[in-house]
Amino acid sequence: MNQNHFGQMMMRKWKDRAQWTGQVKQTMTQK
């Protein structure tokens, strides 16, 4: 596995996590 592919995977993971935490924050503030 080359470095670039690994970097893309990590970025995707962090983006997904950021979206997930954003959704959680929204639901927390809505309640």
PDB file of N, CA and C in Angstrom:
ATOM      1  N   MET A   1       0.851  -1.201   0.000  1.00  0.00           N
ATOM      2  CA  MET A   1       0.000   0.000   0.000  1.00  0.00           C
ATOM      3  C   MET A   1       0.887   1.252   0.000  1.00  0.00           C
ATOM      4  N   ASN A   2       0.628   2.132  -0.951  1.00  0.00           N
ATOM      5  CA  ASN A   2       1.467   3.327  -1.052  1.00  0.00           C
ATOM      6  C   ASN A   2       0.959   4.420  -0.117  1.00  0.00           C
ATOM      7  N   GLN A   3       1.797   5.395   0.150  1.00  0.00           N
ATOM      8  CA  GLN A   3       1.496   6.435   1.141  1.00  0.00           C
ATOM      9  C   GLN A   3       0.264   7.247   0.735  1.00  0.00           C
ATOM     10  N   ASN A   4       0.152   7.547  -0.567  1.00  0.00           N
ATOM     11  CA  ASN A   4      -0.950   8.406  -1.014  1.00  0.00           C
ATOM     12  C   ASN A   4      -2.292   7.753  -0.723  1.00  0.00           C
ATOM     13  N   HIS A   5      -2.404   6.471  -1.042  1.00  0.00           N
ATOM     14  CA  HIS A   5      -3.667   5.760  -0.812  1.00  0.00           C
ATOM     15  C   HIS A   5      -4.002   5.761   0.678  1.00  0.00           C
ATOM     16  N   PHE A   6      -2.995   5.508   1.506  1.00  0.00           N
ATOM     17  CA  PHE A   6      -3.209   5.495   2.955  1.00  0.00           C
ATOM     18  C   PHE A   6      -3.686   6.869   3.420  1.00  0.00           C
ATOM     19  N   GLY A   7      -3.095   7.923   2.894  1.00  0.00           N
ATOM     20  CA  GLY A   7      -3.491   9.284   3.270  1.00  0.00           C
ATOM     21  C   GLY A   7      -4.941   9.551   2.894  1.00  0.00           C
ATOM     22  N   GLN A   8      -5.336   9.092   1.715  1.00  0.00           N
ATOM     23  CA  GLN A   8      -6.727   9.304   1.288  1.00  0.00           C
ATOM     24  C   GLN A   8      -7.676   8.566   2.217  1.00  0.00           C
ATOM     25  N   MET A   9      -7.310   7.345   2.611  1.00  0.00           N
ATOM     26  CA  MET A   9      -8.160   6.577   3.519  1.00  0.00           C
ATOM     27  C   MET A   9      -8.324   7.308   4.851  1.00  0.00           C
ATOM     28  N   MET A  10      -7.218   7.827   5.372  1.00  0.00           N
ATOM     29  CA  MET A  10      -7.276   8.535   6.653  1.00  0.00           C
ATOM     30  C   MET A  10      -8.141   9.791   6.530  1.00  0.00           C
ATOM     31  N   MET A  11      -7.967  10.514   5.441  1.00  0.00           N
ATOM     32  CA  MET A  11      -8.759  11.733   5.243  1.00  0.00           C
ATOM     33  C   MET A  11     -10.243  11.390   5.209  1.00  0.00           C
ATOM     34  N   ARG A  12     -10.581  10.301   4.511  1.00  0.00           N
ATOM     35  CA  ARG A  12     -11.992   9.907   4.411  1.00  0.00           C
ATOM     36  C   ARG A  12     -12.520   9.556   5.795  1.00  0.00           C
ATOM     37  N   LYS A  13     -11.694   8.871   6.585  1.00  0.00           N
ATOM     38  CA  LYS A  13     -12.105   8.490   7.941  1.00  0.00           C
ATOM     39  C   LYS A  13     -12.387   9.741   8.768  1.00  0.00           C
ATOM     40  N   TRP A  14     -11.470  10.713   8.690  1.00  0.00           N
ATOM     41  CA  TRP A  14     -11.631  11.927   9.498  1.00  0.00           C
ATOM     42  C   TRP A  14     -12.837  12.735   9.025  1.00  0.00           C
ATOM     43  N   LYS A  15     -13.071  12.726   7.697  1.00  0.00           N
ATOM     44  CA  LYS A  15     -14.228  13.468   7.180  1.00  0.00           C
ATOM     45  C   LYS A  15     -15.512  12.830   7.695  1.00  0.00           C
ATOM     46  N   ASP A  16     -15.556  11.492   7.648  1.00  0.00           N
ATOM     47  CA  ASP A  16     -16.754  10.801   8.132  1.00  0.00           C
ATOM     48  C   ASP A  16     -16.961  11.093   9.610  1.00  0.00           C
ATOM     49  N   ARG A  17     -15.873  11.066  10.360  1.00  0.00           N
ATOM     50  CA  ARG A  17     -15.984  11.323  11.806  1.00  0.00           C
ATOM     51  C   ARG A  17     -16.466  12.749  12.055  1.00  0.00           C
ATOM     52  N   ALA A  18     -15.969  13.699  11.266  1.00  0.00           N
ATOM     53  CA  ALA A  18     -16.378  15.097  11.437  1.00  0.00           C
ATOM     54  C   ALA A  18     -17.870  15.237  11.132  1.00  0.00           C
ATOM     55  N   GLN A  19     -18.327  14.571  10.070  1.00  0.00           N
ATOM     56  CA  GLN A  19     -19.753  14.630   9.744  1.00  0.00           C
ATOM     57  C   GLN A  19     -20.571  14.016  10.870  1.00  0.00           C
ATOM     58  N   TRP A  20     -20.111  12.882  11.398  1.00  0.00           N
ATOM     59  CA  TRP A  20     -20.851  12.188  12.450  1.00  0.00           C
ATOM     60  C   TRP A  20     -20.942  13.054  13.698  1.00  0.00           C
ATOM     61  N   THR A  21     -19.831  13.621  14.116  1.00  0.00           N
ATOM     62  CA  THR A  21     -19.844  14.470  15.314  1.00  0.00           C
ATOM     63  C   THR A  21     -20.717  15.701  15.066  1.00  0.00           C
ATOM     64  N   GLY A  22     -20.708  16.210  13.841  1.00  0.00           N
ATOM     65  CA  GLY A  22     -21.545  17.360  13.512  1.00  0.00           C
ATOM     66  C   GLY A  22     -23.011  17.016  13.671  1.00  0.00           C
ATOM     67  N   GLN A  23     -23.405  15.825  13.211  1.00  0.00           N
ATOM     68  CA  GLN A  23     -24.799  15.401  13.338  1.00  0.00           C
ATOM     69  C   GLN A  23     -25.166  15.236  14.811  1.00  0.00           C
ATOM     70  N   VAL A  24     -24.258  14.649  15.576  1.00  0.00           N
ATOM     71  CA  VAL A  24     -24.518  14.444  17.009  1.00  0.00           C
ATOM     72  C   VAL A  24     -24.697  15.786  17.700  1.00  0.00           C
ATOM     73  N   LYS A  25     -23.847  16.746  17.351  1.00  0.00           N
ATOM     74  CA  LYS A  25     -23.955  18.079  17.962  1.00  0.00           C
ATOM     75  C   LYS A  25     -25.303  18.702  17.625  1.00  0.00           C
ATOM     76  N   GLN A  26     -25.738  18.537  16.370  1.00  0.00           N
ATOM     77  CA  GLN A  26     -27.026  19.106  15.966  1.00  0.00           C
ATOM     78  C   GLN A  26     -28.153  18.501  16.791  1.00  0.00           C
ATOM     79  N   THR A  27     -28.165  17.175  16.926  1.00  0.00           N
ATOM     80  CA  THR A  27     -29.244  16.523  17.678  1.00  0.00           C
ATOM     81  C   THR A  27     -29.181  16.930  19.145  1.00  0.00           C
ATOM     82  N   MET A  28     -27.979  17.094  19.667  1.00  0.00           N
ATOM     83  CA  MET A  28     -27.831  17.486  21.077  1.00  0.00           C
ATOM     84  C   MET A  28     -28.410  18.885  21.293  1.00  0.00           C
ATOM     85  N   THR A  29     -28.117  19.807  20.350  1.00  0.00           N
ATOM     86  CA  THR A  29     -28.592  21.182  20.511  1.00  0.00           C
ATOM     87  C   THR A  29     -30.093  21.258  20.256  1.00  0.00           C
ATOM     88  N   GLN A  30     -30.605  20.417  19.346  1.00  0.00           N
ATOM     89  CA  GLN A  30     -32.044  20.431  19.061  1.00  0.00           C
ATOM     90  C   GLN A  30     -32.824  20.008  20.301  1.00  0.00           C
ATOM     91  N   LYS A  31     -32.349  19.006  21.000  1.00  0.00           N
ATOM     92  CA  LYS A  31     -33.014  18.564  22.227  1.00  0.00           C
ATOM     93  C   LYS A  31     -32.689  19.543  23.339  1.00  0.00           C
TER      94      LYS A  31
END
